[in-house]
Amino acid sequence: MAGFIYKLQNIVNTSPDSDDTNINIARCILKNIDKIKKRTSLQDFADICYTSQSSISRFSQYLGYANFNDFKADCIGIQEETDEMIIDTRATKKINCVDYAQAISESLVRMQETSIDQEIEQLCEYIHNAKRIFIFATHIPGDLACIMQRAILTTGKFIEFYPRKEHQMEVAKQIRRDDLCIFLSLEGTLLMEKAITIPAIISLAKNVLITQNVHIKFSEQFTQVIGLGGHDSESIGKYKLLFFIDCLLNRYYHKYIVNN
């Protein structure tokens, strides 16, 4: 049944707190979704999540299931969500990003003047190879970050995004050298939040900035800066960001799910 990943995503996005039982169970399931089969028992779930059988039963009730078997059925049905994502990202065919941009509007056509295809390929590799991934974004880019996060979670790759800025500041302190940090900021204003930007830079992690303002302060400190065409108004910029995320997800699913 579609929506299981979305339920777990909402829980893990609540807080980076590691002491909350429900958050920890949701994280463990998302990290081990490929280990859950029809034969997986209640005790197996408990082992995967480093908790007790009673905690798993309470967690299934917390999500609104009548019993563990209903909870397990949705968990096993994750393939349905993957199939939906393949359709949503049109991953059965490879999108030509230039043709796609030309079909939208004149303001988006300028994106064809950039090396967007190569940038997407590089970011896909970063995501696929990273041990831990964080997305930093607020406002409309934050809403689009949720779309991006859910699609990547569905592939079995764990990726973290906390909508509240104070939580993003908290996890920024945890960034390590082998992590990947993706910043979505149309105007680059998020980079002025030094409590987030500075820890990411000094960690020496791979830091990727997706923006339409490539000359913003600190941008030269990023591993990869992906420019979304020209510097248009923010109202147009959000469509370019959505377009970019569409292409990224299509390429990632096409490369690592459909053709794997």
C-alpha atoms as a PDB file:
ATOM      1  CA  MET A   1       0.000   0.000   0.000  1.00  0.00           C
ATOM      2  CA  ALA A   2       1.483   3.321  -1.127  1.00  0.00           C
ATOM      3  CA  GLY A   3       2.255   5.873   1.559  1.00  0.00           C
ATOM      4  CA  PHE A   4       4.301   3.750   3.962  1.00  0.00           C
ATOM      5  CA  ILE A   5       7.563   5.565   3.175  1.00  0.00           C
ATOM      6  CA  TYR A   6       5.733   8.868   3.531  1.00  0.00           C
ATOM      7  CA  LYS A   7       4.591   7.887   7.041  1.00  0.00           C
ATOM      8  CA  LEU A   8       8.105   6.965   8.112  1.00  0.00           C
ATOM      9  CA  GLN A   9       9.518  10.059   6.427  1.00  0.00           C
ATOM     10  CA  ASN A  10       7.215  12.297   8.446  1.00  0.00           C
ATOM     11  CA  ILE A  11       8.391  10.638  11.654  1.00  0.00           C
ATOM     12  CA  VAL A  12      12.134  10.868  10.981  1.00  0.00           C
ATOM     13  CA  ASN A  13      11.684  14.475   9.865  1.00  0.00           C
ATOM     14  CA  THR A  14      10.121  15.417  13.185  1.00  0.00           C
ATOM     15  CA  SER A  15      13.453  15.809  14.958  1.00  0.00           C
ATOM     16  CA  PRO A  16      17.099  14.697  14.861  1.00  0.00           C
ATOM     17  CA  ASP A  17      16.578  13.499  18.454  1.00  0.00           C
ATOM     18  CA  SER A  18      18.168  10.062  18.923  1.00  0.00           C
ATOM     19  CA  ASP A  19      16.304   9.306  22.160  1.00  0.00           C
ATOM     20  CA  ASP A  20      12.812   9.057  20.673  1.00  0.00           C
ATOM     21  CA  THR A  21      11.808   5.408  20.223  1.00  0.00           C
ATOM     22  CA  ASN A  22       9.434   6.008  17.302  1.00  0.00           C
ATOM     23  CA  ILE A  23      12.022   8.047  15.407  1.00  0.00           C
ATOM     24  CA  ASN A  24      14.696   5.405  15.938  1.00  0.00           C
ATOM     25  CA  ILE A  25      12.402   2.592  14.777  1.00  0.00           C
ATOM     26  CA  ALA A  26      11.405   4.547  11.655  1.00  0.00           C
ATOM     27  CA  ARG A  27      15.060   5.249  10.864  1.00  0.00           C
ATOM     28  CA  CYS A  28      16.052   1.610  11.279  1.00  0.00           C
ATOM     29  CA  ILE A  29      13.235   0.415   9.013  1.00  0.00           C
ATOM     30  CA  LEU A  30      14.132   2.938   6.307  1.00  0.00           C
ATOM     31  CA  LYS A  31      17.785   1.929   6.493  1.00  0.00           C
ATOM     32  CA  ASN A  32      16.915  -1.781   6.262  1.00  0.00           C
ATOM     33  CA  ILE A  33      13.806  -1.791   4.084  1.00  0.00           C
ATOM     34  CA  ASP A  34      15.411  -4.344   1.724  1.00  0.00           C
ATOM     35  CA  LYS A  35      15.804  -6.841   4.585  1.00  0.00           C
ATOM     36  CA  ILE A  36      12.066  -7.007   5.298  1.00  0.00           C
ATOM     37  CA  LYS A  37      10.393  -9.947   3.536  1.00  0.00           C
ATOM     38  CA  LYS A  38       7.165 -11.957   3.885  1.00  0.00           C
ATOM     39  CA  ARG A  39       8.887 -14.307   6.306  1.00  0.00           C
ATOM     40  CA  THR A  40      10.156 -11.477   8.541  1.00  0.00           C
ATOM     41  CA  SER A  41       8.738 -11.994  12.031  1.00  0.00           C
ATOM     42  CA  LEU A  42       7.924  -9.591  14.845  1.00  0.00           C
ATOM     43  CA  GLN A  43      11.182 -10.628  16.518  1.00  0.00           C
ATOM     44  CA  ASP A  44      13.073  -9.979  13.286  1.00  0.00           C
ATOM     45  CA  PHE A  45      11.648  -6.451  13.222  1.00  0.00           C
ATOM     46  CA  ALA A  46      12.730  -5.997  16.827  1.00  0.00           C
ATOM     47  CA  ASP A  47      16.254  -7.178  15.981  1.00  0.00           C
ATOM     48  CA  ILE A  48      16.501  -4.876  12.948  1.00  0.00           C
ATOM     49  CA  CYS A  49      15.420  -1.904  15.058  1.00  0.00           C
ATOM     50  CA  TYR A  50      17.449  -2.827  18.165  1.00  0.00           C
ATOM     51  CA  THR A  51      14.331  -2.807  20.315  1.00  0.00           C
ATOM     52  CA  SER A  52      11.691  -5.108  21.812  1.00  0.00           C
ATOM     53  CA  GLN A  53       8.685  -6.815  20.247  1.00  0.00           C
ATOM     54  CA  SER A  54       6.353  -4.719  22.381  1.00  0.00           C
ATOM     55  CA  SER A  55       7.976  -1.513  21.064  1.00  0.00           C
ATOM     56  CA  ILE A  56       7.397  -2.632  17.477  1.00  0.00           C
ATOM     57  CA  SER A  57       3.744  -3.442  18.306  1.00  0.00           C
ATOM     58  CA  ARG A  58       3.276  -0.012  19.874  1.00  0.00           C
ATOM     59  CA  PHE A  59       4.947   1.607  16.866  1.00  0.00           C
ATOM     60  CA  SER A  60       2.561  -0.118  14.444  1.00  0.00           C
ATOM     61  CA  GLN A  61      -0.366   1.124  16.538  1.00  0.00           C
ATOM     62  CA  TYR A  62       1.177   4.615  16.578  1.00  0.00           C
ATOM     63  CA  LEU A  63       1.064   4.585  12.783  1.00  0.00           C
ATOM     64  CA  GLY A  64      -2.620   3.664  12.899  1.00  0.00           C
ATOM     65  CA  TYR A  65      -2.477  -0.056  12.121  1.00  0.00           C
ATOM     66  CA  ALA A  66      -4.870  -2.445  13.852  1.00  0.00           C
ATOM     67  CA  ASN A  67      -2.159  -5.059  14.301  1.00  0.00           C
ATOM     68  CA  PHE A  68       1.393  -6.010  13.407  1.00  0.00           C
ATOM     69  CA  ASN A  69       0.362  -8.028  10.339  1.00  0.00           C
ATOM     70  CA  ASP A  70      -1.302  -4.985   8.748  1.00  0.00           C
ATOM     71  CA  PHE A  71       1.805  -2.935   9.497  1.00  0.00           C
ATOM     72  CA  LYS A  72       4.040  -5.604   7.982  1.00  0.00           C
ATOM     73  CA  ALA A  73       1.859  -5.862   4.857  1.00  0.00           C
ATOM     74  CA  ASP A  74       2.365  -2.165   4.123  1.00  0.00           C
ATOM     75  CA  CYS A  75       6.061  -2.464   4.800  1.00  0.00           C
ATOM     76  CA  ILE A  76       6.374  -5.324   2.325  1.00  0.00           C
ATOM     77  CA  GLY A  77       4.284  -3.328  -0.163  1.00  0.00           C
ATOM     78  CA  ILE A  78       7.049  -0.755  -0.542  1.00  0.00           C
ATOM     79  CA  GLN A  79       7.615  -2.042  -4.092  1.00  0.00           C
ATOM     80  CA  GLU A  80       4.332  -0.356  -5.031  1.00  0.00           C
ATOM     81  CA  GLU A  81       5.780   2.975  -3.940  1.00  0.00           C
ATOM     82  CA  THR A  82       8.929   2.288  -5.948  1.00  0.00           C
ATOM     83  CA  ASP A  83       6.821   1.526  -9.021  1.00  0.00           C
ATOM     84  CA  GLU A  84       4.877   4.774  -8.527  1.00  0.00           C
ATOM     85  CA  MET A  85       8.121   6.696  -8.295  1.00  0.00           C
ATOM     86  CA  ILE A  86       9.367   5.127 -11.511  1.00  0.00           C
ATOM     87  CA  ILE A  87       6.201   6.436 -13.192  1.00  0.00           C
ATOM     88  CA  ASP A  88       6.419   9.850 -11.506  1.00  0.00           C
ATOM     89  CA  THR A  89      10.050  10.285 -12.545  1.00  0.00           C
ATOM     90  CA  ARG A  90       9.426   8.762 -16.012  1.00  0.00           C
ATOM     91  CA  ALA A  91      12.435   6.583 -15.327  1.00  0.00           C
ATOM     92  CA  THR A  92      11.477   4.019 -17.994  1.00  0.00           C
ATOM     93  CA  LYS A  93      12.867   6.539 -20.467  1.00  0.00           C
ATOM     94  CA  LYS A  94      15.759   8.938 -20.075  1.00  0.00           C
ATOM     95  CA  ILE A  95      14.637  12.561 -20.103  1.00  0.00           C
ATOM     96  CA  ASN A  96      16.607  14.864 -22.383  1.00  0.00           C
ATOM     97  CA  CYS A  97      16.984  17.846 -20.073  1.00  0.00           C
ATOM     98  CA  VAL A  98      17.482  20.345 -22.915  1.00  0.00           C
ATOM     99  CA  ASP A  99      14.299  19.296 -24.766  1.00  0.00           C
ATOM    100  CA  TYR A 100      12.385  19.319 -21.491  1.00  0.00           C
ATOM    101  CA  ALA A 101      13.531  22.854 -20.700  1.00  0.00           C
ATOM    102  CA  GLN A 102      12.545  24.101 -24.158  1.00  0.00           C
ATOM    103  CA  ALA A 103       9.023  22.768 -23.641  1.00  0.00           C
ATOM    104  CA  ILE A 104       8.425  24.902 -20.557  1.00  0.00           C
ATOM    105  CA  SER A 105       9.001  28.657 -20.984  1.00  0.00           C
ATOM    106  CA  GLU A 106      11.505  31.139 -22.312  1.00  0.00           C
ATOM    107  CA  SER A 107      12.891  31.783 -18.858  1.00  0.00           C
ATOM    108  CA  LEU A 108      13.708  28.082 -18.479  1.00  0.00           C
ATOM    109  CA  VAL A 109      15.302  27.745 -21.901  1.00  0.00           C
ATOM    110  CA  ARG A 110      18.394  29.529 -20.617  1.00  0.00           C
ATOM    111  CA  MET A 111      19.146  26.447 -18.547  1.00  0.00           C
ATOM    112  CA  GLN A 112      20.198  24.736 -21.800  1.00  0.00           C
ATOM    113  CA  GLU A 113      23.217  27.028 -21.880  1.00  0.00           C
ATOM    114  CA  THR A 114      24.636  25.310 -18.789  1.00  0.00           C
ATOM    115  CA  SER A 115      26.210  21.854 -18.352  1.00  0.00           C
ATOM    116  CA  ILE A 116      23.115  20.562 -16.539  1.00  0.00           C
ATOM    117  CA  ASP A 117      23.387  16.981 -17.845  1.00  0.00           C
ATOM    118  CA  GLN A 118      26.935  16.595 -16.579  1.00  0.00           C
ATOM    119  CA  GLU A 119      26.013  18.250 -13.283  1.00  0.00           C
ATOM    120  CA  ILE A 120      23.148  15.785 -12.771  1.00  0.00           C
ATOM    121  CA  GLU A 121      25.355  12.794 -13.538  1.00  0.00           C
ATOM    122  CA  GLN A 122      27.919  13.978 -10.992  1.00  0.00           C
ATOM    123  CA  LEU A 123      25.313  14.603  -8.291  1.00  0.00           C
ATOM    124  CA  CYS A 124      23.772  11.153  -8.887  1.00  0.00           C
ATOM    125  CA  GLU A 125      27.164   9.586  -8.266  1.00  0.00           C
ATOM    126  CA  TYR A 126      27.661  11.655  -5.109  1.00  0.00           C
ATOM    127  CA  ILE A 127      24.273  10.555  -3.780  1.00  0.00           C
ATOM    128  CA  HIS A 128      24.770   6.909  -4.677  1.00  0.00           C
ATOM    129  CA  ASN A 129      28.238   6.721  -3.097  1.00  0.00           C
ATOM    130  CA  ALA A 130      27.662   8.845   0.016  1.00  0.00           C
ATOM    131  CA  LYS A 131      27.482   7.155   3.415  1.00  0.00           C
ATOM    132  CA  ARG A 132      25.289   9.900   4.866  1.00  0.00           C
ATOM    133  CA  ILE A 133      23.331  12.604   3.058  1.00  0.00           C
ATOM    134  CA  PHE A 134      21.822  15.845   4.358  1.00  0.00           C
ATOM    135  CA  ILE A 135      19.575  18.301   2.516  1.00  0.00           C
ATOM    136  CA  PHE A 136      19.490  21.905   3.707  1.00  0.00           C
ATOM    137  CA  ALA A 137      16.626  24.084   2.471  1.00  0.00           C
ATOM    138  CA  THR A 138      13.824  26.332   3.700  1.00  0.00           C
ATOM    139  CA  HIS A 139      10.518  27.714   2.387  1.00  0.00           C
ATOM    140  CA  ILE A 140       9.581  26.568  -1.156  1.00  0.00           C
ATOM    141  CA  PRO A 141      12.926  24.840  -1.769  1.00  0.00           C
ATOM    142  CA  GLY A 142      12.236  23.030   1.510  1.00  0.00           C
ATOM    143  CA  ASP A 143       8.940  21.734   0.130  1.00  0.00           C
ATOM    144  CA  LEU A 144      10.736  20.521  -2.980  1.00  0.00           C
ATOM    145  CA  ALA A 145      13.407  18.979  -0.744  1.00  0.00           C
ATOM    146  CA  CYS A 146      10.700  16.755   0.763  1.00  0.00           C
ATOM    147  CA  ILE A 147       9.810  15.509  -2.721  1.00  0.00           C
ATOM    148  CA  MET A 148      13.448  14.789  -3.460  1.00  0.00           C
ATOM    149  CA  GLN A 149      13.983  13.098  -0.100  1.00  0.00           C
ATOM    150  CA  ARG A 150      10.966  10.789  -0.403  1.00  0.00           C
ATOM    151  CA  ALA A 151      11.920   9.661  -3.908  1.00  0.00           C
ATOM    152  CA  ILE A 152      15.468   8.801  -2.837  1.00  0.00           C
ATOM    153  CA  LEU A 153      14.287   7.114   0.375  1.00  0.00           C
ATOM    154  CA  THR A 154      12.101   4.864  -1.771  1.00  0.00           C
ATOM    155  CA  THR A 155      15.225   3.523  -3.494  1.00  0.00           C
ATOM    156  CA  GLY A 156      16.560   2.345  -0.132  1.00  0.00           C
ATOM    157  CA  LYS A 157      19.088   5.182   0.142  1.00  0.00           C
ATOM    158  CA  PHE A 158      18.772   6.981   3.481  1.00  0.00           C
ATOM    159  CA  ILE A 159      18.763  10.759   3.161  1.00  0.00           C
ATOM    160  CA  GLU A 160      18.001  13.290   5.894  1.00  0.00           C
ATOM    161  CA  PHE A 161      16.053  16.545   5.685  1.00  0.00           C
ATOM    162  CA  TYR A 162      14.629  18.454   8.647  1.00  0.00           C
ATOM    163  CA  PRO A 163      12.178  21.205   7.613  1.00  0.00           C
ATOM    164  CA  ARG A 164      12.727  23.297  10.734  1.00  0.00           C
ATOM    165  CA  LYS A 165      15.768  25.561  10.496  1.00  0.00           C
ATOM    166  CA  GLU A 166      16.769  24.993  14.131  1.00  0.00           C
ATOM    167  CA  HIS A 167      16.974  21.273  13.443  1.00  0.00           C
ATOM    168  CA  GLN A 168      19.107  21.921  10.374  1.00  0.00           C
ATOM    169  CA  MET A 169      21.456  23.943  12.563  1.00  0.00           C
ATOM    170  CA  GLU A 170      21.635  21.038  14.984  1.00  0.00           C
ATOM    171  CA  VAL A 171      22.480  18.382  12.405  1.00  0.00           C
ATOM    172  CA  ALA A 172      25.027  20.695  10.768  1.00  0.00           C
ATOM    173  CA  LYS A 173      27.185  20.118  13.846  1.00  0.00           C
ATOM    174  CA  GLN A 174      27.192  16.384  13.054  1.00  0.00           C
ATOM    175  CA  ILE A 175      28.560  16.634   9.503  1.00  0.00           C
ATOM    176  CA  ARG A 176      31.629  14.494   8.847  1.00  0.00           C
ATOM    177  CA  ARG A 177      34.200  14.365   6.072  1.00  0.00           C
ATOM    178  CA  ASP A 178      32.580  11.456   4.197  1.00  0.00           C
ATOM    179  CA  ASP A 179      29.071  12.995   4.204  1.00  0.00           C
ATOM    180  CA  LEU A 180      27.235  14.690   1.343  1.00  0.00           C
ATOM    181  CA  CYS A 181      25.436  17.995   1.963  1.00  0.00           C
ATOM    182  CA  ILE A 182      22.997  19.326  -0.635  1.00  0.00           C
ATOM    183  CA  PHE A 183      21.954  22.971  -0.299  1.00  0.00           C
ATOM    184  CA  LEU A 184      18.820  24.103  -2.172  1.00  0.00           C
ATOM    185  CA  SER A 185      18.765  27.901  -2.175  1.00  0.00           C
ATOM    186  CA  LEU A 186      17.410  29.854  -5.129  1.00  0.00           C
ATOM    187  CA  GLU A 187      18.878  33.213  -4.090  1.00  0.00           C
ATOM    188  CA  GLY A 188      21.621  31.773  -1.897  1.00  0.00           C
ATOM    189  CA  THR A 189      20.188  33.372   1.245  1.00  0.00           C
ATOM    190  CA  LEU A 190      20.387  30.076   3.131  1.00  0.00           C
ATOM    191  CA  LEU A 191      24.175  30.321   2.872  1.00  0.00           C
ATOM    192  CA  MET A 192      24.009  33.402   5.084  1.00  0.00           C
ATOM    193  CA  GLU A 193      22.825  31.138   7.889  1.00  0.00           C
ATOM    194  CA  LYS A 194      26.378  30.646   9.114  1.00  0.00           C
ATOM    195  CA  ALA A 195      25.354  28.141  11.807  1.00  0.00           C
ATOM    196  CA  ILE A 196      24.594  25.778   8.913  1.00  0.00           C
ATOM    197  CA  THR A 197      27.072  26.813   6.225  1.00  0.00           C
ATOM    198  CA  ILE A 198      30.267  27.130   8.255  1.00  0.00           C
ATOM    199  CA  PRO A 199      30.112  23.635   9.878  1.00  0.00           C
ATOM    200  CA  ALA A 200      29.441  22.114   6.442  1.00  0.00           C
ATOM    201  CA  ILE A 201      32.428  23.893   4.888  1.00  0.00           C
ATOM    202  CA  ILE A 202      34.945  23.179   7.645  1.00  0.00           C
ATOM    203  CA  SER A 203      33.882  19.514   7.823  1.00  0.00           C
ATOM    204  CA  LEU A 204      35.469  18.992   4.373  1.00  0.00           C
ATOM    205  CA  ALA A 205      32.376  16.991   3.362  1.00  0.00           C
ATOM    206  CA  LYS A 206      31.175  17.087  -0.239  1.00  0.00           C
ATOM    207  CA  ASN A 207      28.964  20.177  -0.381  1.00  0.00           C
ATOM    208  CA  VAL A 208      26.695  20.782  -3.372  1.00  0.00           C
ATOM    209  CA  LEU A 209      24.859  24.080  -3.914  1.00  0.00           C
ATOM    210  CA  ILE A 210      21.860  24.224  -6.273  1.00  0.00           C
ATOM    211  CA  THR A 211      20.963  27.848  -6.970  1.00  0.00           C
ATOM    212  CA  GLN A 212      20.221  30.457  -9.595  1.00  0.00           C
ATOM    213  CA  ASN A 213      22.599  32.914  -7.872  1.00  0.00           C
ATOM    214  CA  VAL A 214      25.970  31.254  -8.421  1.00  0.00           C
ATOM    215  CA  HIS A 215      27.962  34.279  -7.253  1.00  0.00           C
ATOM    216  CA  ILE A 216      26.568  34.342  -3.714  1.00  0.00           C
ATOM    217  CA  LYS A 217      29.077  34.574  -0.850  1.00  0.00           C
ATOM    218  CA  PHE A 218      30.626  31.228   0.165  1.00  0.00           C
ATOM    219  CA  SER A 219      29.690  29.581  -3.149  1.00  0.00           C
ATOM    220  CA  GLU A 220      33.366  29.199  -4.062  1.00  0.00           C
ATOM    221  CA  GLN A 221      33.786  26.983  -0.981  1.00  0.00           C
ATOM    222  CA  PHE A 222      31.409  24.327  -2.360  1.00  0.00           C
ATOM    223  CA  THR A 223      32.501  21.099  -4.043  1.00  0.00           C
ATOM    224  CA  GLN A 224      29.923  21.570  -6.789  1.00  0.00           C
ATOM    225  CA  VAL A 225      27.794  24.609  -7.643  1.00  0.00           C
ATOM    226  CA  ILE A 226      24.885  23.860  -9.969  1.00  0.00           C
ATOM    227  CA  GLY A 227      23.503  26.998 -11.598  1.00  0.00           C
ATOM    228  CA  LEU A 228      19.851  26.965 -12.642  1.00  0.00           C
ATOM    229  CA  GLY A 229      20.270  29.018 -15.778  1.00  0.00           C
ATOM    230  CA  GLY A 230      20.085  32.798 -15.445  1.00  0.00           C
ATOM    231  CA  HIS A 231      19.297  34.791 -12.310  1.00  0.00           C
ATOM    232  CA  ASP A 232      15.536  35.126 -12.701  1.00  0.00           C
ATOM    233  CA  SER A 233      12.903  36.135 -10.180  1.00  0.00           C
ATOM    234  CA  GLU A 234      12.376  33.709  -7.317  1.00  0.00           C
ATOM    235  CA  SER A 235       8.848  32.926  -8.566  1.00  0.00           C
ATOM    236  CA  ILE A 236      10.370  31.568 -11.783  1.00  0.00           C
ATOM    237  CA  GLY A 237      13.296  30.047  -9.941  1.00  0.00           C
ATOM    238  CA  LYS A 238      11.093  27.565  -8.090  1.00  0.00           C
ATOM    239  CA  TYR A 239       9.984  26.052 -11.411  1.00  0.00           C
ATOM    240  CA  LYS A 240      13.596  25.711 -12.501  1.00  0.00           C
ATOM    241  CA  LEU A 241      14.404  23.986  -9.223  1.00  0.00           C
ATOM    242  CA  LEU A 242      11.463  21.604  -9.650  1.00  0.00           C
ATOM    243  CA  PHE A 243      12.575  20.938 -13.213  1.00  0.00           C
ATOM    244  CA  PHE A 244      16.081  20.189 -11.994  1.00  0.00           C
ATOM    245  CA  ILE A 245      14.817  17.820  -9.278  1.00  0.00           C
ATOM    246  CA  ASP A 246      12.592  16.043 -11.847  1.00  0.00           C
ATOM    247  CA  CYS A 247      15.612  15.460 -14.067  1.00  0.00           C
ATOM    248  CA  LEU A 248      17.801  14.387 -11.155  1.00  0.00           C
ATOM    249  CA  LEU A 249      15.288  11.799  -9.918  1.00  0.00           C
ATOM    250  CA  ASN A 250      14.664  10.491 -13.421  1.00  0.00           C
ATOM    251  CA  ARG A 251      18.384  10.039 -13.967  1.00  0.00           C
ATOM    252  CA  TYR A 252      18.945   8.460 -10.554  1.00  0.00           C
ATOM    253  CA  TYR A 253      16.093   5.946 -10.973  1.00  0.00           C
ATOM    254  CA  HIS A 254      17.076   5.255 -14.581  1.00  0.00           C
ATOM    255  CA  LYS A 255      20.703   4.675 -13.613  1.00  0.00           C
ATOM    256  CA  TYR A 256      20.434   2.831 -10.309  1.00  0.00           C
ATOM    257  CA  ILE A 257      16.927   1.295 -10.157  1.00  0.00           C
ATOM    258  CA  VAL A 258      15.543   0.570 -13.630  1.00  0.00           C
ATOM    259  CA  ASN A 259      18.861  -0.462 -15.190  1.00  0.00           C
ATOM    260  CA  ASN A 260      20.422  -1.986 -12.085  1.00  0.00           C
END
